[in-house]
Amino acid sequence: MSKKMTKSQNNKMLTGTLAGVAEYFGIDPTIVRVIFVFATIVLNGGPILLYILFMLLMPKEAGQQRDRQREQRPKRATKAQRKRAEDDWNDF
């Protein structure tokens, strides 16, 4: 199974892109961030375009997509919760 480069779900600062690169190569995300800042200063902002490209093209982790879908779904009350709500109104 090949390893895919995805945005990080755990070490997000902005979009998780640099942390995803770090996870792919198995290094600390802080080192990648420091290298990115240093390269941006030395190369007059060139890596910013590369960052934007990675940000747009890198997929999110599968777990992160599932969590977002779960958040968007309305939560339904369980039968016990509905019965309790009905019982509360029956007291009047």
C-alpha atoms as a PDB file:
ATOM      1  CA  MET A   1       0.000   0.000   0.000  1.00  0.00           C
ATOM      2  CA  SER A   2       1.466   3.321  -0.992  1.00  0.00           C
ATOM      3  CA  LYS A   3       1.635   6.215   1.394  1.00  0.00           C
ATOM      4  CA  LYS A   4      -0.409   9.319   0.464  1.00  0.00           C
ATOM      5  CA  MET A   5       0.421  12.884   1.363  1.00  0.00           C
ATOM      6  CA  THR A   6      -2.636  14.371   3.080  1.00  0.00           C
ATOM      7  CA  LYS A   7      -3.308  17.407   5.236  1.00  0.00           C
ATOM      8  CA  SER A   8      -2.736  16.720   8.903  1.00  0.00           C
ATOM      9  CA  GLN A   9      -5.680  16.428  11.229  1.00  0.00           C
ATOM     10  CA  ASN A  10      -3.603  16.572  14.411  1.00  0.00           C
ATOM     11  CA  ASN A  11      -0.973  19.276  13.897  1.00  0.00           C
ATOM     12  CA  LYS A  12      -2.927  22.030  12.168  1.00  0.00           C
ATOM     13  CA  MET A  13      -1.704  25.602  12.397  1.00  0.00           C
ATOM     14  CA  LEU A  14      -3.497  27.071   9.403  1.00  0.00           C
ATOM     15  CA  THR A  15      -4.643  24.337   7.036  1.00  0.00           C
ATOM     16  CA  GLY A  16      -2.525  21.350   8.093  1.00  0.00           C
ATOM     17  CA  THR A  17      -0.551  21.402   4.850  1.00  0.00           C
ATOM     18  CA  LEU A  18       2.973  21.719   6.256  1.00  0.00           C
ATOM     19  CA  ALA A  19       2.216  19.227   9.015  1.00  0.00           C
ATOM     20  CA  GLY A  20       0.952  16.825   6.348  1.00  0.00           C
ATOM     21  CA  VAL A  21       4.245  17.158   4.482  1.00  0.00           C
ATOM     22  CA  ALA A  22       6.102  16.508   7.733  1.00  0.00           C
ATOM     23  CA  GLU A  23       4.025  13.412   8.494  1.00  0.00           C
ATOM     24  CA  TYR A  24       4.647  12.103   4.976  1.00  0.00           C
ATOM     25  CA  PHE A  25       8.424  12.372   5.406  1.00  0.00           C
ATOM     26  CA  GLY A  26       8.348  11.287   9.065  1.00  0.00           C
ATOM     27  CA  ILE A  27       9.836  14.457  10.585  1.00  0.00           C
ATOM     28  CA  ASP A  28       8.701  16.980  13.168  1.00  0.00           C
ATOM     29  CA  PRO A  29       6.206  19.550  11.793  1.00  0.00           C
ATOM     30  CA  THR A  30       8.032  22.369  13.574  1.00  0.00           C
ATOM     31  CA  ILE A  31      11.164  21.682  11.507  1.00  0.00           C
ATOM     32  CA  VAL A  32       9.151  21.879   8.269  1.00  0.00           C
ATOM     33  CA  ARG A  33       7.552  25.153   9.401  1.00  0.00           C
ATOM     34  CA  VAL A  34      10.933  26.690  10.290  1.00  0.00           C
ATOM     35  CA  ILE A  35      12.391  25.609   6.928  1.00  0.00           C
ATOM     36  CA  PHE A  36       9.348  27.096   5.169  1.00  0.00           C
ATOM     37  CA  VAL A  37       9.710  30.463   6.932  1.00  0.00           C
ATOM     38  CA  PHE A  38      13.470  30.544   6.279  1.00  0.00           C
ATOM     39  CA  ALA A  39      12.973  29.643   2.599  1.00  0.00           C
ATOM     40  CA  THR A  40      10.257  32.280   2.255  1.00  0.00           C
ATOM     41  CA  ILE A  41      12.594  34.965   3.589  1.00  0.00           C
ATOM     42  CA  VAL A  42      15.587  33.854   1.511  1.00  0.00           C
ATOM     43  CA  LEU A  43      13.646  33.288  -1.717  1.00  0.00           C
ATOM     44  CA  ASN A  44      11.559  36.493  -1.470  1.00  0.00           C
ATOM     45  CA  GLY A  45       8.203  34.799  -0.893  1.00  0.00           C
ATOM     46  CA  GLY A  46       8.443  32.152  -3.607  1.00  0.00           C
ATOM     47  CA  PRO A  47       7.476  29.239  -1.332  1.00  0.00           C
ATOM     48  CA  ILE A  48       4.187  30.981  -0.555  1.00  0.00           C
ATOM     49  CA  LEU A  49       2.982  30.118  -4.069  1.00  0.00           C
ATOM     50  CA  LEU A  50       4.057  26.512  -3.509  1.00  0.00           C
ATOM     51  CA  TYR A  51       2.187  26.486  -0.181  1.00  0.00           C
ATOM     52  CA  ILE A  52      -1.005  27.771  -1.834  1.00  0.00           C
ATOM     53  CA  LEU A  53      -0.677  25.115  -4.528  1.00  0.00           C
ATOM     54  CA  PHE A  54      -0.240  22.363  -1.918  1.00  0.00           C
ATOM     55  CA  MET A  55      -3.114  23.793   0.137  1.00  0.00           C
ATOM     56  CA  LEU A  56      -5.466  23.568  -2.840  1.00  0.00           C
ATOM     57  CA  LEU A  57      -4.329  20.180  -4.170  1.00  0.00           C
ATOM     58  CA  MET A  58      -3.627  18.105  -1.046  1.00  0.00           C
ATOM     59  CA  PRO A  59      -6.607  16.009   0.052  1.00  0.00           C
ATOM     60  CA  LYS A  60      -7.820  15.933   3.638  1.00  0.00           C
ATOM     61  CA  GLU A  61      -7.409  12.819   5.751  1.00  0.00           C
ATOM     62  CA  ALA A  62     -10.309  10.405   5.418  1.00  0.00           C
ATOM     63  CA  GLY A  63     -11.136  10.679   9.117  1.00  0.00           C
ATOM     64  CA  GLN A  64     -11.345  14.447   8.895  1.00  0.00           C
ATOM     65  CA  GLN A  65     -13.858  14.249   6.039  1.00  0.00           C
ATOM     66  CA  ARG A  66     -16.018  11.803   7.988  1.00  0.00           C
ATOM     67  CA  ASP A  67     -15.971  14.049  11.078  1.00  0.00           C
ATOM     68  CA  ARG A  68     -17.066  17.060   9.034  1.00  0.00           C
ATOM     69  CA  GLN A  69     -19.948  15.075   7.503  1.00  0.00           C
ATOM     70  CA  ARG A  70     -20.999  13.923  10.964  1.00  0.00           C
ATOM     71  CA  GLU A  71     -21.063  17.536  12.216  1.00  0.00           C
ATOM     72  CA  GLN A  72     -23.295  18.638   9.339  1.00  0.00           C
ATOM     73  CA  ARG A  73     -25.887  15.911   9.916  1.00  0.00           C
ATOM     74  CA  PRO A  74     -28.727  16.952  12.251  1.00  0.00           C
ATOM     75  CA  LYS A  75     -28.843  14.893  15.414  1.00  0.00           C
ATOM     76  CA  ARG A  76     -32.030  12.934  16.045  1.00  0.00           C
ATOM     77  CA  ALA A  77     -33.374  12.330  19.506  1.00  0.00           C
ATOM     78  CA  THR A  78     -33.443   8.742  20.705  1.00  0.00           C
ATOM     79  CA  LYS A  79     -36.707   7.038  21.611  1.00  0.00           C
ATOM     80  CA  ALA A  80     -35.906   7.393  25.314  1.00  0.00           C
ATOM     81  CA  GLN A  81     -35.267  11.136  24.924  1.00  0.00           C
ATOM     82  CA  ARG A  82     -38.537  11.622  23.016  1.00  0.00           C
ATOM     83  CA  LYS A  83     -40.474   9.652  25.640  1.00  0.00           C
ATOM     84  CA  ARG A  84     -38.922  11.728  28.441  1.00  0.00           C
ATOM     85  CA  ALA A  85     -39.893  14.942  26.619  1.00  0.00           C
ATOM     86  CA  GLU A  86     -43.479  13.673  26.187  1.00  0.00           C
ATOM     87  CA  ASP A  87     -43.651  12.717  29.868  1.00  0.00           C
ATOM     88  CA  ASP A  88     -42.533  16.213  30.875  1.00  0.00           C
ATOM     89  CA  TRP A  89     -45.415  17.745  28.925  1.00  0.00           C
ATOM     90  CA  ASN A  90     -47.937  15.253  30.294  1.00  0.00           C
ATOM     91  CA  ASP A  91     -47.467  16.680  33.794  1.00  0.00           C
ATOM     92  CA  PHE A  92     -49.373  19.832  32.854  1.00  0.00           C
END
